[in-house]
Structure formats: structure tokens, C-alpha cells
Protein backbone atom coordinates (compact mmCIF):
# COMPACT_ATOMS: atom_id res chain seq x y z
CA MET A 1 -22.12 83.66 146.26
CA CYS A 2 -20.79 80.50 147.75
CA HIS A 3 -19.45 81.26 151.25
CA GLY A 4 -20.34 84.96 151.11
CA GLY A 5 -23.65 84.33 152.88
CA ALA A 6 -21.75 83.55 156.07
CA ILE A 7 -21.37 87.31 156.62
CA PHE A 8 -25.12 87.99 156.80
CA PRO A 9 -25.38 88.02 160.61
CA GLY A 10 -23.10 91.07 160.53
CA VAL A 11 -24.77 92.92 157.63
CA VAL A 12 -27.26 95.10 159.45
CA ASN A 13 -30.01 97.27 158.02
CA PRO A 14 -29.51 100.65 159.75
CA VAL A 15 -33.25 101.31 159.77
CA THR A 16 -34.29 98.08 161.49
CA ASN A 17 -30.99 97.32 163.26
CA HIS A 18 -31.43 93.68 162.15
CA SER A 19 -29.66 91.59 159.55
CA ILE A 20 -30.68 92.28 155.97
CA VAL A 21 -31.79 88.66 155.63
CA VAL A 22 -34.33 88.53 158.46
CA GLY A 23 -37.31 86.69 157.00
CA LYS A 24 -35.54 86.20 153.64
CA LYS A 25 -34.67 83.02 151.77
CA ILE A 26 -30.99 82.73 150.91
CA THR A 27 -28.62 80.10 149.58
CA GLY A 28 -24.89 79.51 149.75
CA PHE A 29 -22.35 76.73 149.92
CA THR A 30 -23.86 73.64 151.52
CA THR A 31 -22.72 71.90 154.67
CA LYS A 32 -22.75 68.71 152.57
CA GLY A 33 -20.26 70.36 150.20
CA GLU A 34 -18.05 71.30 153.16
CA GLU A 35 -18.13 67.67 154.28
CA GLU A 36 -17.36 66.36 150.79
CA GLN A 37 -14.38 68.73 150.52
CA GLY A 38 -13.13 67.62 153.93
CA VAL A 39 -13.14 71.15 155.35
CA LEU A 40 -16.06 71.11 157.77
CA GLU A 41 -13.81 70.26 160.72
CA THR A 42 -11.44 73.09 159.73
CA ILE A 43 -14.35 75.51 159.72
CA ARG A 44 -15.41 74.24 163.14
CA GLY A 45 -11.80 74.59 164.34
CA TRP A 46 -11.87 78.24 163.31
CA ASP A 47 -15.06 78.66 165.34
CA ARG A 48 -16.91 79.75 162.20
CA MET A 49 -20.44 78.99 161.05
CA THR A 50 -21.48 77.28 157.86
CA VAL A 51 -23.65 79.33 155.52
CA GLU A 52 -26.67 77.31 156.65
CA GLU A 53 -25.95 78.16 160.29
CA ALA A 54 -25.27 81.82 159.48
CA ALA A 55 -28.60 82.11 157.68
CA ALA A 56 -30.44 80.73 160.71
CA LYS A 57 -28.54 82.98 163.12
CA ALA A 58 -29.37 86.02 160.98
CA GLY A 59 -33.08 85.17 160.91
CA GLY A 60 -33.07 83.98 157.32
CA GLU A 61 -34.14 80.71 155.78
CA TYR A 62 -31.47 78.66 154.01
CA VAL A 63 -32.58 77.05 150.75
CA GLY A 64 -30.13 74.53 149.37
CA PRO A 65 -29.49 73.44 145.81
CA PRO A 66 -30.59 69.97 144.65
CA GLY A 67 -26.95 68.88 144.99
CA PRO A 68 -23.93 70.65 146.51
CA TRP A 69 -22.35 71.31 143.10
CA ASP A 70 -25.49 72.21 141.12
CA SER A 71 -25.96 75.75 139.85
CA PHE A 72 -28.57 77.34 142.08
CA THR A 73 -29.61 80.89 142.88
CA GLN A 74 -32.15 82.35 145.29
CA THR A 75 -33.71 85.80 145.00
CA ASP A 76 -35.78 87.32 147.78
CA GLY A 77 -36.44 91.00 147.21
CA ARG A 78 -33.10 92.72 146.74
CA VAL A 79 -31.14 89.86 148.31
CA VAL A 80 -29.71 87.65 145.56
CA THR A 81 -27.53 84.70 146.54
CA GLY A 82 -25.82 81.81 144.75
CA ALA A 83 -24.92 78.39 146.08
CA ASN A 84 -21.44 77.78 144.66
CA PRO A 85 -18.99 78.75 141.89
CA ALA A 86 -21.14 76.92 139.32
CA SER A 87 -23.89 79.42 140.19
CA ALA A 88 -21.87 82.54 139.36
CA ARG A 89 -23.40 83.31 135.97
CA ASP A 90 -26.97 82.49 137.02
CA THR A 91 -26.57 84.59 140.17
CA ALA A 92 -25.24 87.56 138.18
CA VAL A 93 -28.20 87.32 135.79
CA ALA A 94 -30.62 87.10 138.75
CA ALA A 95 -28.99 90.13 140.41
CA VAL A 96 -29.31 92.24 137.28
CA LYS A 97 -32.93 91.15 136.89
CA ALA A 98 -33.73 91.95 140.54
CA PHE A 99 -32.17 95.41 140.37
CA ASP A 100 -33.62 96.22 136.94
CA GLY A 101 -37.05 95.75 138.51
CA LEU A 102 -36.52 98.32 141.23
CA GLU A 103 -37.96 101.78 141.04
CA ASN A 104 -35.61 104.45 142.31
CA HIS A 105 -37.10 106.39 145.16
CA ARG A 106 -35.85 107.74 148.43
CA ASP A 107 -36.38 105.95 151.70
CA GLU A 108 -38.06 108.50 153.95
CA LYS A 109 -36.27 107.29 157.09
CA THR A 110 -32.71 107.07 155.75
CA GLY A 111 -32.77 109.44 152.78
CA SER A 112 -31.02 106.83 150.67
CA GLU A 113 -32.18 105.50 147.34
CA ARG A 114 -33.65 102.06 147.36
């Protein structure tokens, strides 16, 4: 949700040793929204990436909402993301739907359920 996608470069799949969003489409707060809020320079001053930049660094594809404040969610496999606070409900519904569709079985390499 929102700025949470900025952590994806550091969320690593232990089986592949790559980010969980490699090759996935994700969304999150837009750079345009950062500009409109007047915080983009603050983010740059903290030497932090925008969600769009984090997606690219992690090997994912950023998909933005029609407008920075529109409710928008993106589901790609088990990765469910939302663009902004207005997306909270739709993202929660999408997450439940994505996980309801999974069959529980064990990953042979890690032994964990997926």
C-alpha cells in the first residue's frame, strides 16, 4: 500500500535470492503525488527512492493509477499492491481474493507452504 512498495528491493525470495517482485507488476504512491505534496525533494534529501524507482531497481514493473489520488490496485500472482490510502479497501479485497485462490502445498525446495 502507498509507500510500502519502496521496500521491495530488500524483500528477497530465499529460493531465488532475488526480490519478490522480479518480473512482477506493482503499484504504489506515484512520483506525481510526491511532487504535488511537495515532498519529493525531502525524499531525495533522505537519499531514498520513490516507489516507481524502487520497483525498477527490484526488477519489477511499476503500473500507476490513472491519477495520483485514484483508488488503484495491482495483483500479480501473490503480490498485491495498492497505490495510495484511497486504495486501501480495494487492495484488501484483492489480497483476500488472491490468497483465496491459492492451493496449499509445500514448496519442495524450502519446505514452506505456498
